[in-house]
Amino acid sequence: MQGSKRTCGDGRDGKMSDGQAKSRAAIAEPALTIAIAKGRMQDEARRLLTRAGLELDEAANGSRRLAVEDRCGRYRFVFIKPADVPVYVEHGIADCGIVGRDVLIEAEADVLQPLDLGIGRCRIVVAASRPEDVVRNLGMLRVATKYPRIAATHFGRRGIPVEIIELAGSVELAPVLGLSDCIVDLVETGRTLAENGLQVVEVIAESTGRLVVNRASYQLKAEAVSALIAALGRAMEPKG
């Protein structure tokens, strides 16, 4: 009986073709650096990468290291704050990244988005304790948010004058304490809104985790990037 030793390949049953073996032998360092957003999406991203055949070294599990390689040495992963992922990718420090669409919309980063990974599904919403006051508001609307660009663009398109109050913490408190009339925030289940007496007024956009790629890397490392996209695509397919 053969053992269960894992081999390194392209994500398809752990097998590596002759061409891939030659390519790997010619690589002196990881083919791609992938930036992964820390926080709510990190665990889902790691599980998806594992299904795609990209597993972190076991020594990295539970480690506080922010840069680790996969078991095969083909990829380097860096774990950084979500807002920093598009910055690292746009400037080419990372070839690819995994981050939420909400972050990408806010950053307006010049990166490619070849794949919707379908993880970390949330909504960017306008919420208030009295939705009717937001809808009927005829004066300046005070909006508390972690997404100033998204909020300003959304209300600007509707011709509604707003004062944007940028917060770094729990924005749900702002309407409760009278700091704002409403909030623009990312919502997953809506439980936190409900616990603070807030209701969704409207949905601005849906957000899921996206694979983003540096424009130069997409050209210069086309083979490695294409292999990653293909492996992730197969990992997302429902099992029959």
Protein backbone atom coordinates (compact mmCIF):
# COMPACT_ATOMS: atom_id res chain seq x y z
CA MET A 1 0.00 0.00 0.00
CA GLN A 2 1.34 3.39 -0.90
CA GLY A 3 1.69 6.06 1.71
CA SER A 4 -0.12 9.40 1.76
CA LYS A 5 2.94 11.55 1.15
CA ARG A 6 1.94 14.86 -0.42
CA THR A 7 3.61 16.02 -3.59
CA CYS A 8 3.75 19.52 -5.03
CA GLY A 9 1.98 20.33 -8.28
CA ASP A 10 -0.49 22.68 -9.86
CA GLY A 11 -3.43 21.91 -7.60
CA ARG A 12 -4.65 18.90 -9.60
CA ASP A 13 -4.33 15.77 -7.43
CA GLY A 14 -0.86 16.86 -6.33
CA LYS A 15 0.74 15.74 -9.62
CA MET A 16 3.49 17.68 -11.35
CA SER A 17 4.18 17.44 -15.07
CA ASP A 18 7.67 17.26 -16.58
CA GLY A 19 7.29 20.83 -17.77
CA GLN A 20 6.33 22.01 -14.30
CA ALA A 21 9.25 20.11 -12.76
CA LYS A 22 11.65 21.87 -15.14
CA SER A 23 10.06 25.24 -14.42
CA ARG A 24 10.31 24.70 -10.69
CA ALA A 25 13.92 23.63 -10.91
CA ALA A 26 14.71 26.88 -12.67
CA ILE A 27 13.10 29.02 -9.96
CA ALA A 28 15.50 30.18 -7.27
CA GLU A 29 12.78 31.79 -5.17
CA PRO A 30 8.97 31.59 -4.92
CA ALA A 31 7.32 32.26 -8.25
CA LEU A 32 4.65 34.49 -6.75
CA THR A 33 4.20 36.58 -3.63
CA ILE A 34 0.57 36.64 -2.48
CA ALA A 35 -0.74 39.22 -0.01
CA ILE A 36 -3.63 37.98 2.11
CA ALA A 37 -5.91 40.30 4.08
CA LYS A 38 -5.78 39.56 7.78
CA GLY A 39 -8.98 39.37 9.78
CA ARG A 40 -12.41 38.05 8.88
CA MET A 41 -11.42 36.66 5.45
CA GLN A 42 -8.07 35.11 6.36
CA ASP A 43 -9.29 31.65 7.41
CA GLU A 44 -11.55 31.28 4.36
CA ALA A 45 -8.70 32.36 2.10
CA ARG A 46 -6.34 29.79 3.59
CA ARG A 47 -8.90 27.00 3.23
CA LEU A 48 -9.45 27.93 -0.42
CA LEU A 49 -5.72 28.00 -1.07
CA THR A 50 -5.37 24.58 0.54
CA ARG A 51 -8.07 23.16 -1.73
CA ALA A 52 -6.16 24.66 -4.65
CA GLY A 53 -3.05 22.77 -3.63
CA LEU A 54 -1.21 25.67 -1.96
CA GLU A 55 -0.55 24.74 1.64
CA LEU A 56 1.46 26.69 4.16
CA ASP A 57 4.29 24.87 5.85
CA GLU A 58 2.99 23.18 9.00
CA ALA A 59 5.54 25.12 11.03
CA ALA A 60 3.71 28.31 10.01
CA ASN A 61 0.40 27.23 11.54
CA GLY A 62 -0.18 29.23 14.67
CA SER A 63 2.95 31.27 13.98
CA ARG A 64 2.97 35.05 14.23
CA ARG A 65 5.24 35.37 11.23
CA LEU A 66 3.81 37.72 8.62
CA ALA A 67 5.66 36.18 5.67
CA VAL A 68 5.72 32.41 5.07
CA GLU A 69 6.13 30.05 2.13
CA ASP A 70 3.97 27.14 1.00
CA ARG A 71 5.23 23.59 1.55
CA CYS A 72 6.63 23.40 -1.98
CA GLY A 73 8.44 26.73 -1.89
CA ARG A 74 6.56 27.96 -4.94
CA TYR A 75 4.63 30.75 -3.22
CA ARG A 76 5.33 33.30 -0.53
CA PHE A 77 2.37 34.56 1.53
CA VAL A 78 2.36 37.86 3.39
CA PHE A 79 -0.42 38.63 5.86
CA ILE A 80 -1.24 42.32 6.09
CA LYS A 81 -4.12 44.66 6.92
CA PRO A 82 -6.90 44.61 4.30
CA ALA A 83 -6.38 48.25 3.30
CA ASP A 84 -2.71 47.53 2.59
CA VAL A 85 -3.31 44.62 0.18
CA PRO A 86 -4.16 46.73 -2.90
CA VAL A 87 -1.22 49.03 -2.10
CA TYR A 88 1.28 46.15 -1.98
CA VAL A 89 -0.13 44.66 -5.17
CA GLU A 90 -0.38 47.91 -7.12
CA HIS A 91 3.27 48.73 -6.32
CA GLY A 92 4.45 45.21 -7.19
CA ILE A 93 5.68 44.26 -3.71
CA ALA A 94 3.17 41.42 -3.97
CA ASP A 95 2.31 39.86 -7.32
CA CYS A 96 -1.20 38.89 -6.22
CA GLY A 97 -3.54 39.47 -3.31
CA ILE A 98 -6.76 38.26 -1.73
CA VAL A 99 -8.97 41.02 -0.34
CA GLY A 100 -12.60 42.12 -0.18
CA ARG A 101 -14.25 44.11 -2.94
CA ASP A 102 -15.19 46.77 -0.36
CA VAL A 103 -11.50 47.52 0.17
CA LEU A 104 -10.86 47.65 -3.57
CA ILE A 105 -13.74 50.05 -4.21
CA GLU A 106 -12.55 52.35 -1.43
CA ALA A 107 -8.90 52.23 -2.52
CA GLU A 108 -9.56 52.63 -6.27
CA ALA A 109 -6.29 50.76 -6.77
CA ASP A 110 -4.94 50.15 -10.27
CA VAL A 111 -4.90 46.34 -10.11
CA LEU A 112 -6.42 43.53 -12.13
CA GLN A 113 -9.31 41.53 -10.66
CA PRO A 114 -9.41 38.24 -12.61
CA LEU A 115 -11.35 36.15 -10.12
CA ASP A 116 -14.26 36.54 -7.71
CA LEU A 117 -13.44 33.98 -5.01
CA GLY A 118 -16.90 34.05 -3.46
CA ILE A 119 -15.57 34.16 0.12
CA GLY A 120 -16.26 36.68 2.87
CA ARG A 121 -19.63 37.63 1.40
CA CYS A 122 -20.92 40.93 2.85
CA ARG A 123 -22.84 44.07 1.89
CA ILE A 124 -21.86 47.74 2.02
CA VAL A 125 -24.96 49.47 3.36
CA VAL A 126 -26.43 52.73 4.56
CA ALA A 127 -27.99 52.19 7.98
CA ALA A 128 -29.82 54.43 10.44
CA SER A 129 -32.00 54.27 13.52
CA ARG A 130 -34.72 56.19 11.66
CA PRO A 131 -34.49 55.30 7.95
CA GLU A 132 -37.28 57.71 7.04
CA ASP A 133 -35.17 60.66 8.25
CA VAL A 134 -32.38 59.68 5.88
CA VAL A 135 -34.72 59.25 2.92
CA ARG A 136 -36.51 62.56 3.50
CA ASN A 137 -33.49 64.56 4.63
CA LEU A 138 -33.42 67.99 2.98
CA GLY A 139 -30.34 69.39 4.70
CA MET A 140 -26.79 68.29 5.34
CA LEU A 141 -26.62 64.58 6.19
CA ARG A 142 -23.99 63.52 8.71
CA VAL A 143 -22.51 60.15 7.71
CA ALA A 144 -20.15 58.16 9.93
CA THR A 145 -18.05 55.57 8.12
CA LYS A 146 -14.78 53.72 7.60
CA TYR A 147 -15.38 54.14 3.86
CA PRO A 148 -15.28 57.92 3.19
CA ARG A 149 -14.73 57.57 -0.55
CA ILE A 150 -17.58 55.09 -1.04
CA ALA A 151 -19.92 57.17 1.12
CA ALA A 152 -19.10 60.47 -0.62
CA THR A 153 -19.49 58.91 -4.07
CA HIS A 154 -22.79 57.22 -3.18
CA PHE A 155 -24.51 60.32 -1.82
CA GLY A 156 -22.87 62.57 -4.40
CA ARG A 157 -24.52 60.58 -7.20
CA ARG A 158 -27.85 61.24 -5.53
CA GLY A 159 -27.19 64.94 -5.10
CA ILE A 160 -27.39 64.68 -1.32
CA PRO A 161 -25.02 67.02 0.59
CA VAL A 162 -23.15 65.15 3.31
CA GLU A 163 -20.65 65.70 6.07
CA ILE A 164 -18.39 62.65 6.16
CA ILE A 165 -17.26 61.69 9.65
CA GLU A 166 -14.43 59.18 9.28
CA LEU A 167 -14.09 56.69 12.11
CA ALA A 168 -11.68 53.82 12.70
CA GLY A 169 -13.71 51.96 15.33
CA SER A 170 -17.29 50.76 15.70
CA VAL A 171 -19.31 53.13 13.55
CA GLU A 172 -22.61 51.70 14.85
CA LEU A 173 -22.23 53.87 17.94
CA ALA A 174 -22.22 57.12 15.98
CA PRO A 175 -26.02 57.42 15.41
CA VAL A 176 -26.76 56.06 18.89
CA LEU A 177 -24.68 58.80 20.53
CA GLY A 178 -25.84 61.53 18.14
CA LEU A 179 -22.59 61.92 16.22
CA SER A 180 -24.21 61.12 12.86
CA ASP A 181 -27.58 60.69 11.15
CA CYS A 182 -26.56 57.41 9.53
CA ILE A 183 -23.62 55.18 8.77
CA VAL A 184 -22.06 53.51 5.75
CA ASP A 185 -20.54 50.23 6.80
CA LEU A 186 -19.84 46.61 5.88
CA VAL A 187 -22.51 44.19 7.09
CA GLU A 188 -22.42 40.41 7.13
CA THR A 189 -25.47 39.23 9.11
CA GLY A 190 -26.92 42.53 10.34
CA ARG A 191 -26.86 41.35 13.94
CA THR A 192 -24.64 44.19 15.19
CA LEU A 193 -26.89 46.75 13.49
CA ALA A 194 -29.99 45.26 15.10
CA GLU A 195 -28.35 45.17 18.54
CA ASN A 196 -27.71 48.90 18.24
CA GLY A 197 -31.19 49.76 16.97
CA LEU A 198 -30.12 50.39 13.37
CA GLN A 199 -31.87 49.36 10.16
CA VAL A 200 -30.55 49.00 6.63
CA VAL A 201 -31.74 51.91 4.50
CA GLU A 202 -30.19 50.71 1.24
CA VAL A 203 -27.47 48.45 -0.08
CA ILE A 204 -24.66 50.25 -1.90
CA ALA A 205 -22.77 47.18 -3.13
CA GLU A 206 -22.16 43.49 -2.55
CA SER A 207 -18.68 42.49 -1.46
CA THR A 208 -16.80 39.20 -1.77
CA GLY A 209 -13.14 38.25 -1.66
CA ARG A 210 -11.29 38.87 -4.92
CA LEU A 211 -8.01 37.71 -6.37
CA VAL A 212 -6.12 40.80 -7.49
CA VAL A 213 -2.98 40.83 -9.63
CA ASN A 214 -0.30 43.40 -10.28
CA ARG A 215 -0.42 44.52 -13.92
CA ALA A 216 3.27 43.94 -14.58
CA SER A 217 3.24 40.53 -12.87
CA TYR A 218 0.29 39.50 -15.02
CA GLN A 219 2.54 39.94 -18.06
CA LEU A 220 5.99 39.04 -16.73
CA LYS A 221 4.86 36.05 -14.65
CA ALA A 222 2.01 35.01 -16.91
CA GLU A 223 2.56 31.26 -16.56
CA ALA A 224 2.63 31.33 -12.74
CA VAL A 225 -0.34 33.72 -12.50
CA SER A 226 -2.40 31.66 -14.95
CA ALA A 227 -1.63 28.48 -13.00
CA LEU A 228 -2.77 30.15 -9.77
CA ILE A 229 -6.00 31.42 -11.33
CA ALA A 230 -6.74 27.97 -12.78
CA ALA A 231 -6.03 26.20 -9.49
CA LEU A 232 -8.27 28.57 -7.52
CA GLY A 233 -10.99 28.23 -10.14
CA ARG A 234 -10.95 24.45 -9.79
CA ALA A 235 -10.98 24.75 -5.99
CA MET A 236 -14.16 26.82 -6.20
CA GLU A 237 -16.02 24.26 -8.32
CA PRO A 238 -18.71 22.32 -6.41
CA LYS A 239 -17.75 18.75 -5.66
CA GLY A 240 -19.87 16.20 -7.50
